[in-house]
PDB file of N, CA and C in Angstrom:
ATOM      1  N   UNK A   1       0.837  -1.171  -0.014  1.00  0.00           N
ATOM      2  CA  UNK A   1      -0.118  -0.061   0.080  1.00  0.00           C
ATOM      3  C   UNK A   1       0.871   1.168  -0.041  1.00  0.00           C
ATOM      4  N   UNK A   2       0.629   2.019  -0.885  1.00  0.00           N
ATOM      5  CA  UNK A   2       1.367   3.410  -1.101  1.00  0.00           C
ATOM      6  C   UNK A   2       0.908   4.499  -0.111  1.00  0.00           C
ATOM      7  N   UNK A   3       1.760   5.280   0.309  1.00  0.00           N
ATOM      8  CA  UNK A   3       1.402   6.326   1.261  1.00  0.00           C
ATOM      9  C   UNK A   3       0.641   7.407   0.354  1.00  0.00           C
ATOM     10  N   UNK A   4      -0.397   8.244   1.103  1.00  0.00           N
ATOM     11  CA  UNK A   4      -0.981   9.289   0.443  1.00  0.00           C
ATOM     12  C   UNK A   4      -0.134  10.428   0.234  1.00  0.00           C
ATOM     13  N   UNK A   5       0.019  11.151  -0.872  1.00  0.00           N
ATOM     14  CA  UNK A   5       0.758  12.239  -1.111  1.00  0.00           C
ATOM     15  C   UNK A   5       0.438  13.466  -0.226  1.00  0.00           C
ATOM     16  N   UNK A   6      -0.836  13.632   0.081  1.00  0.00           N
ATOM     17  CA  UNK A   6      -1.353  14.487   1.020  1.00  0.00           C
ATOM     18  C   UNK A   6      -0.789  14.516   2.286  1.00  0.00           C
ATOM     19  N   UNK A   7      -0.655  13.084   2.787  1.00  0.00           N
ATOM     20  CA  UNK A   7       0.004  12.926   4.159  1.00  0.00           C
ATOM     21  C   UNK A   7       1.312  13.323   4.041  1.00  0.00           C
ATOM     22  N   UNK A   8       2.202  13.074   2.931  1.00  0.00           N
ATOM     23  CA  UNK A   8       3.572  13.459   2.976  1.00  0.00           C
ATOM     24  C   UNK A   8       3.750  15.001   2.986  1.00  0.00           C
ATOM     25  N   UNK A   9       2.851  15.618   2.335  1.00  0.00           N
ATOM     26  CA  UNK A   9       2.953  17.247   2.292  1.00  0.00           C
ATOM     27  C   UNK A   9       2.584  17.770   3.624  1.00  0.00           C
ATOM     28  N   UNK A  10       1.676  17.149   4.257  1.00  0.00           N
ATOM     29  CA  UNK A  10       1.252  17.712   5.710  1.00  0.00           C
ATOM     30  C   UNK A  10       2.532  17.453   6.551  1.00  0.00           C
ATOM     31  N   UNK A  11       3.064  16.377   6.470  1.00  0.00           N
ATOM     32  CA  UNK A  11       4.243  16.077   7.305  1.00  0.00           C
ATOM     33  C   UNK A  11       5.370  16.943   7.068  1.00  0.00           C
ATOM     34  N   UNK A  12       5.703  17.097   5.801  1.00  0.00           N
ATOM     35  CA  UNK A  12       6.964  18.116   5.513  1.00  0.00           C
ATOM     36  C   UNK A  12       6.537  19.361   5.896  1.00  0.00           C
ATOM     37  N   UNK A  13       5.417  19.836   5.736  1.00  0.00           N
ATOM     38  CA  UNK A  13       4.877  21.281   6.129  1.00  0.00           C
ATOM     39  C   UNK A  13       4.838  21.445   7.475  1.00  0.00           C
ATOM     40  N   UNK A  14       4.534  20.512   8.450  1.00  0.00           N
ATOM     41  CA  UNK A  14       4.352  20.464   9.749  1.00  0.00           C
ATOM     42  C   UNK A  14       5.824  20.453  10.303  1.00  0.00           C
ATOM     43  N   UNK A  15       6.738  19.679   9.725  1.00  0.00           N
ATOM     44  CA  UNK A  15       8.157  19.740  10.289  1.00  0.00           C
ATOM     45  C   UNK A  15       8.850  21.042  10.022  1.00  0.00           C
ATOM     46  N   UNK A  16       8.434  21.592   8.827  1.00  0.00           N
ATOM     47  CA  UNK A  16       8.972  23.162   8.584  1.00  0.00           C
ATOM     48  C   UNK A  16       8.558  24.104   9.600  1.00  0.00           C
ATOM     49  N   UNK A  17       7.191  24.016   9.680  1.00  0.00           N
ATOM     50  CA  UNK A  17       6.695  25.042  10.691  1.00  0.00           C
ATOM     51  C   UNK A  17       7.100  24.916  12.005  1.00  0.00           C
ATOM     52  N   UNK A  18       7.192  23.579  12.480  1.00  0.00           N
ATOM     53  CA  UNK A  18       7.723  23.288  13.848  1.00  0.00           C
ATOM     54  C   UNK A  18       9.129  23.929  14.010  1.00  0.00           C
ATOM     55  N   UNK A  19       9.800  23.609  12.965  1.00  0.00           N
ATOM     56  CA  UNK A  19      11.362  24.191  13.094  1.00  0.00           C
ATOM     57  C   UNK A  19      11.333  25.604  13.112  1.00  0.00           C
ATOM     58  N   UNK A  20      10.423  26.273  12.191  1.00  0.00           N
ATOM     59  CA  UNK A  20      10.558  27.743  12.335  1.00  0.00           C
ATOM     60  C   UNK A  20       9.960  28.297  13.735  1.00  0.00           C
ATOM     61  N   UNK A  21       8.909  27.713  14.448  1.00  0.00           N
ATOM     62  CA  UNK A  21       8.446  28.046  15.655  1.00  0.00           C
ATOM     63  C   UNK A  21       9.677  27.965  16.598  1.00  0.00           C
ATOM     64  N   UNK A  22      10.350  27.025  16.466  1.00  0.00           N
ATOM     65  CA  UNK A  22      11.424  26.594  17.430  1.00  0.00           C
ATOM     66  C   UNK A  22      12.539  27.762  17.220  1.00  0.00           C
ATOM     67  N   UNK A  23      12.956  28.045  16.201  1.00  0.00           N
ATOM     68  CA  UNK A  23      13.957  29.122  15.752  1.00  0.00           C
ATOM     69  C   UNK A  23      13.463  30.437  16.143  1.00  0.00           C
ATOM     70  N   UNK A  24      12.285  30.907  15.564  1.00  0.00           N
ATOM     71  CA  UNK A  24      11.927  32.187  15.805  1.00  0.00           C
ATOM     72  C   UNK A  24      11.352  32.567  17.206  1.00  0.00           C
ATOM     73  N   UNK A  25      10.575  31.560  17.814  1.00  0.00           N
ATOM     74  CA  UNK A  25       9.839  31.785  18.864  1.00  0.00           C
ATOM     75  C   UNK A  25      10.332  31.030  20.175  1.00  0.00           C
ATOM     76  N   UNK A  26      11.262  30.071  19.932  1.00  0.00           N
ATOM     77  CA  UNK A  26      11.833  29.465  21.034  1.00  0.00           C
ATOM     78  C   UNK A  26      10.912  28.423  21.600  1.00  0.00           C
ATOM     79  N   UNK A  27       9.687  27.960  20.696  1.00  0.00           N
ATOM     80  CA  UNK A  27       8.813  26.906  21.068  1.00  0.00           C
ATOM     81  C   UNK A  27       9.343  25.571  21.116  1.00  0.00           C
ATOM     82  N   UNK A  28       8.954  24.845  22.022  1.00  0.00           N
ATOM     83  CA  UNK A  28       9.269  23.326  21.982  1.00  0.00           C
ATOM     84  C   UNK A  28       8.203  22.676  21.164  1.00  0.00           C
ATOM     85  N   UNK A  29       8.538  21.511  20.698  1.00  0.00           N
ATOM     86  CA  UNK A  29       7.450  20.789  19.923  1.00  0.00           C
ATOM     87  C   UNK A  29       6.118  20.581  20.690  1.00  0.00           C
ATOM     88  N   UNK A  30       6.152  20.465  21.895  1.00  0.00           N
ATOM     89  CA  UNK A  30       4.808  20.371  22.485  1.00  0.00           C
ATOM     90  C   UNK A  30       4.119  21.675  22.357  1.00  0.00           C
ATOM     91  N   UNK A  31       4.692  22.777  22.618  1.00  0.00           N
ATOM     92  CA  UNK A  31       3.970  24.168  22.448  1.00  0.00           C
ATOM     93  C   UNK A  31       3.478  24.282  21.188  1.00  0.00           C
ATOM     94  N   UNK A  32       4.270  23.911  20.159  1.00  0.00           N
ATOM     95  CA  UNK A  32       3.821  24.008  18.660  1.00  0.00           C
ATOM     96  C   UNK A  32       2.664  23.158  18.460  1.00  0.00           C
ATOM     97  N   UNK A  33       2.578  21.748  18.979  1.00  0.00           N
ATOM     98  CA  UNK A  33       1.496  21.074  18.602  1.00  0.00           C
ATOM     99  C   UNK A  33       0.264  21.221  19.462  1.00  0.00           C
ATOM    100  N   UNK A  34       0.331  21.938  20.519  1.00  0.00           N
ATOM    101  CA  UNK A  34      -0.806  22.269  21.380  1.00  0.00           C
ATOM    102  C   UNK A  34      -1.401  23.586  20.931  1.00  0.00           C
ATOM    103  N   UNK A  35      -0.584  24.440  20.145  1.00  0.00           N
ATOM    104  CA  UNK A  35      -0.986  25.739  19.671  1.00  0.00           C
ATOM    105  C   UNK A  35      -2.117  25.471  18.652  1.00  0.00           C
ATOM    106  N   UNK A  36      -3.105  26.297  18.403  1.00  0.00           N
ATOM    107  CA  UNK A  36      -3.849  26.350  17.348  1.00  0.00           C
ATOM    108  C   UNK A  36      -3.372  27.181  16.260  1.00  0.00           C
ATOM    109  N   UNK A  37      -3.743  26.854  15.025  1.00  0.00           N
ATOM    110  CA  UNK A  37      -3.305  27.618  13.735  1.00  0.00           C
ATOM    111  C   UNK A  37      -3.512  29.082  13.889  1.00  0.00           C
ATOM    112  N   UNK A  38      -4.631  29.519  14.631  1.00  0.00           N
ATOM    113  CA  UNK A  38      -4.903  31.005  14.748  1.00  0.00           C
ATOM    114  C   UNK A  38      -3.730  31.478  15.941  1.00  0.00           C
ATOM    115  N   UNK A  39      -3.388  30.808  17.004  1.00  0.00           N
ATOM    116  CA  UNK A  39      -2.481  31.244  17.753  1.00  0.00           C
ATOM    117  C   UNK A  39      -1.119  31.317  17.164  1.00  0.00           C
ATOM    118  N   UNK A  40      -0.790  30.485  16.460  1.00  0.00           N
ATOM    119  CA  UNK A  40       0.693  30.479  15.609  1.00  0.00           C
ATOM    120  C   UNK A  40       0.641  31.591  14.825  1.00  0.00           C
ATOM    121  N   UNK A  41      -0.543  31.861  13.969  1.00  0.00           N
ATOM    122  CA  UNK A  41      -0.524  33.010  13.120  1.00  0.00           C
ATOM    123  C   UNK A  41      -0.562  34.302  13.719  1.00  0.00           C
ATOM    124  N   UNK A  42      -1.235  34.423  14.947  1.00  0.00           N
ATOM    125  CA  UNK A  42      -1.130  35.652  15.626  1.00  0.00           C
ATOM    126  C   UNK A  42       0.102  36.109  16.204  1.00  0.00           C
ATOM    127  N   UNK A  43       0.913  35.031  16.789  1.00  0.00           N
ATOM    128  CA  UNK A  43       2.238  35.375  17.214  1.00  0.00           C
ATOM    129  C   UNK A  43       3.078  35.835  16.134  1.00  0.00           C
ATOM    130  N   UNK A  44       3.103  35.093  14.807  1.00  0.00           N
ATOM    131  CA  UNK A  44       3.898  35.415  13.676  1.00  0.00           C
ATOM    132  C   UNK A  44       3.649  36.815  13.245  1.00  0.00           C
ATOM    133  N   UNK A  45       2.447  37.075  13.368  1.00  0.00           N
ATOM    134  CA  UNK A  45       2.133  38.443  12.729  1.00  0.00           C
ATOM    135  C   UNK A  45       2.751  39.603  13.470  1.00  0.00           C
ATOM    136  N   UNK A  46       3.206  39.305  14.651  1.00  0.00           N
ATOM    137  CA  UNK A  46       3.767  40.425  15.367  1.00  0.00           C
ATOM    138  C   UNK A  46       5.392  40.716  14.900  1.00  0.00           C
ATOM    139  N   UNK A  47       5.739  39.645  14.084  1.00  0.00           N
ATOM    140  CA  UNK A  47       7.052  40.037  13.321  1.00  0.00           C
ATOM    141  C   UNK A  47       6.879  40.766  12.084  1.00  0.00           C
ATOM    142  N   UNK A  48       5.705  40.941  11.542  1.00  0.00           N
ATOM    143  CA  UNK A  48       5.349  41.747  10.227  1.00  0.00           C
ATOM    144  C   UNK A  48       5.608  43.263  10.525  1.00  0.00           C
ATOM    145  N   UNK A  49       6.009  44.055   9.602  1.00  0.00           N
ATOM    146  CA  UNK A  49       6.133  45.410   9.836  1.00  0.00           C
ATOM    147  C   UNK A  49       4.750  45.906   9.764  1.00  0.00           C
ATOM    148  N   UNK A  50       4.693  46.992  10.533  1.00  0.00           N
ATOM    149  CA  UNK A  50       3.510  47.712  10.509  1.00  0.00           C
ATOM    150  C   UNK A  50       3.332  48.546   9.369  1.00  0.00           C
ATOM    151  N   UNK A  51       2.141  48.480   8.643  1.00  0.00           N
ATOM    152  CA  UNK A  51       1.900  49.088   7.388  1.00  0.00           C
ATOM    153  C   UNK A  51       1.699  50.750   7.675  1.00  0.00           C
ATOM    154  N   UNK A  52       2.386  51.530   7.170  1.00  0.00           N
ATOM    155  CA  UNK A  52       2.149  52.920   7.238  1.00  0.00           C
ATOM    156  C   UNK A  52       1.337  53.365   6.145  1.00  0.00           C
ATOM    157  N   UNK A  53       0.493  54.150   6.374  1.00  0.00           N
ATOM    158  CA  UNK A  53      -0.372  54.740   5.509  1.00  0.00           C
ATOM    159  C   UNK A  53       0.476  55.638   4.488  1.00  0.00           C
ATOM    160  N   UNK A  54       0.182  55.606   3.204  1.00  0.00           N
ATOM    161  CA  UNK A  54       0.946  56.504   2.185  1.00  0.00           C
ATOM    162  C   UNK A  54       0.452  58.080   2.417  1.00  0.00           C
ATOM    163  N   UNK A  55       1.282  58.798   1.587  1.00  0.00           N
ATOM    164  CA  UNK A  55       0.954  60.152   1.793  1.00  0.00           C
ATOM    165  C   UNK A  55       0.376  60.710   0.352  1.00  0.00           C
ATOM    166  N   UNK A  56      -0.611  61.397   0.230  1.00  0.00           N
ATOM    167  CA  UNK A  56      -1.031  61.994  -0.992  1.00  0.00           C
ATOM    168  C   UNK A  56      -0.461  63.227  -1.374  1.00  0.00           C
ATOM    169  N   UNK A  57      -0.739  63.817  -2.480  1.00  0.00           N
ATOM    170  CA  UNK A  57      -0.176  65.090  -2.917  1.00  0.00           C
ATOM    171  C   UNK A  57      -0.562  66.177  -1.992  1.00  0.00           C
ATOM    172  N   UNK A  58      -1.869  66.297  -1.412  1.00  0.00           N
ATOM    173  CA  UNK A  58      -2.327  67.275  -0.620  1.00  0.00           C
ATOM    174  C   UNK A  58      -1.408  67.388   0.574  1.00  0.00           C
ATOM    175  N   UNK A  59      -1.336  66.020   1.241  1.00  0.00           N
ATOM    176  CA  UNK A  59      -0.510  66.094   2.411  1.00  0.00           C
ATOM    177  C   UNK A  59       0.927  66.441   2.263  1.00  0.00           C
ATOM    178  N   UNK A  60       1.555  66.146   1.264  1.00  0.00           N
ATOM    179  CA  UNK A  60       2.966  66.436   0.790  1.00  0.00           C
ATOM    180  C   UNK A  60       2.974  68.027   0.657  1.00  0.00           C
ATOM    181  N   UNK A  61       2.080  68.569   0.003  1.00  0.00           N
ATOM    182  CA  UNK A  61       2.035  69.979  -0.109  1.00  0.00           C
ATOM    183  C   UNK A  61       1.885  70.760   1.225  1.00  0.00           C
ATOM    184  N   UNK A  62       1.074  70.240   2.059  1.00  0.00           N
ATOM    185  CA  UNK A  62       0.928  70.742   3.476  1.00  0.00           C
ATOM    186  C   UNK A  62       2.188  70.653   4.272  1.00  0.00           C
ATOM    187  N   UNK A  63       2.767  69.451   4.026  1.00  0.00           N
ATOM    188  CA  UNK A  63       4.227  69.315   4.857  1.00  0.00           C
ATOM    189  C   UNK A  63       5.144  70.379   4.396  1.00  0.00           C
ATOM    190  N   UNK A  64       5.155  70.507   2.911  1.00  0.00           N
ATOM    191  CA  UNK A  64       6.106  71.525   2.269  1.00  0.00           C
ATOM    192  C   UNK A  64       5.777  72.860   2.731  1.00  0.00           C
ATOM    193  N   UNK A  65       4.613  73.218   3.065  1.00  0.00           N
ATOM    194  CA  UNK A  65       4.070  74.696   3.494  1.00  0.00           C
ATOM    195  C   UNK A  65       4.683  74.809   4.872  1.00  0.00           C
ATOM    196  N   UNK A  66       4.533  73.737   5.692  1.00  0.00           N
ATOM    197  CA  UNK A  66       4.937  74.003   7.135  1.00  0.00           C
ATOM    198  C   UNK A  66       6.448  74.058   7.363  1.00  0.00           C
ATOM    199  N   UNK A  67       7.128  73.542   6.280  1.00  0.00           N
ATOM    200  CA  UNK A  67       8.592  73.536   6.392  1.00  0.00           C
ATOM    201  C   UNK A  67       9.160  74.879   6.367  1.00  0.00           C
ATOM    202  N   UNK A  68       9.979  75.253   7.467  1.00  0.00           N
ATOM    203  CA  UNK A  68      10.614  76.668   7.509  1.00  0.00           C
ATOM    204  C   UNK A  68      11.600  76.912   6.541  1.00  0.00           C
ATOM    205  N   UNK A  69      12.387  75.760   6.051  1.00  0.00           N
ATOM    206  CA  UNK A  69      13.526  75.999   5.156  1.00  0.00           C
ATOM    207  C   UNK A  69      13.079  76.236   3.761  1.00  0.00           C
ATOM    208  N   UNK A  70      11.692  76.258   3.475  1.00  0.00           N
ATOM    209  CA  UNK A  70      10.917  76.308   2.178  1.00  0.00           C
ATOM    210  C   UNK A  70      11.688  75.934   1.030  1.00  0.00           C
TER     211      UNK A  70
END
C-alpha cells in the first residue's frame, strides 16, 4: 500500500513550521503541537512590519508649506 501524497505534504509542512517556531519563537515541539493555527498565526503576525499609510499630494503640499526652510 502506497502512502497518500497529502500525508507526505502535511508531514513536510508541519516539520518545517515546527522548526520555524523553534527558531523564531523558542517554542518546544509540545508548544507548537498544542497551539492552534490561529494562535501560531497571531504570534507570527507580530514579526510583520506595521503598514504605514501613504501620503497623497495634498499631504505632501501641506508638509512643504509647514517647512521653515522652504
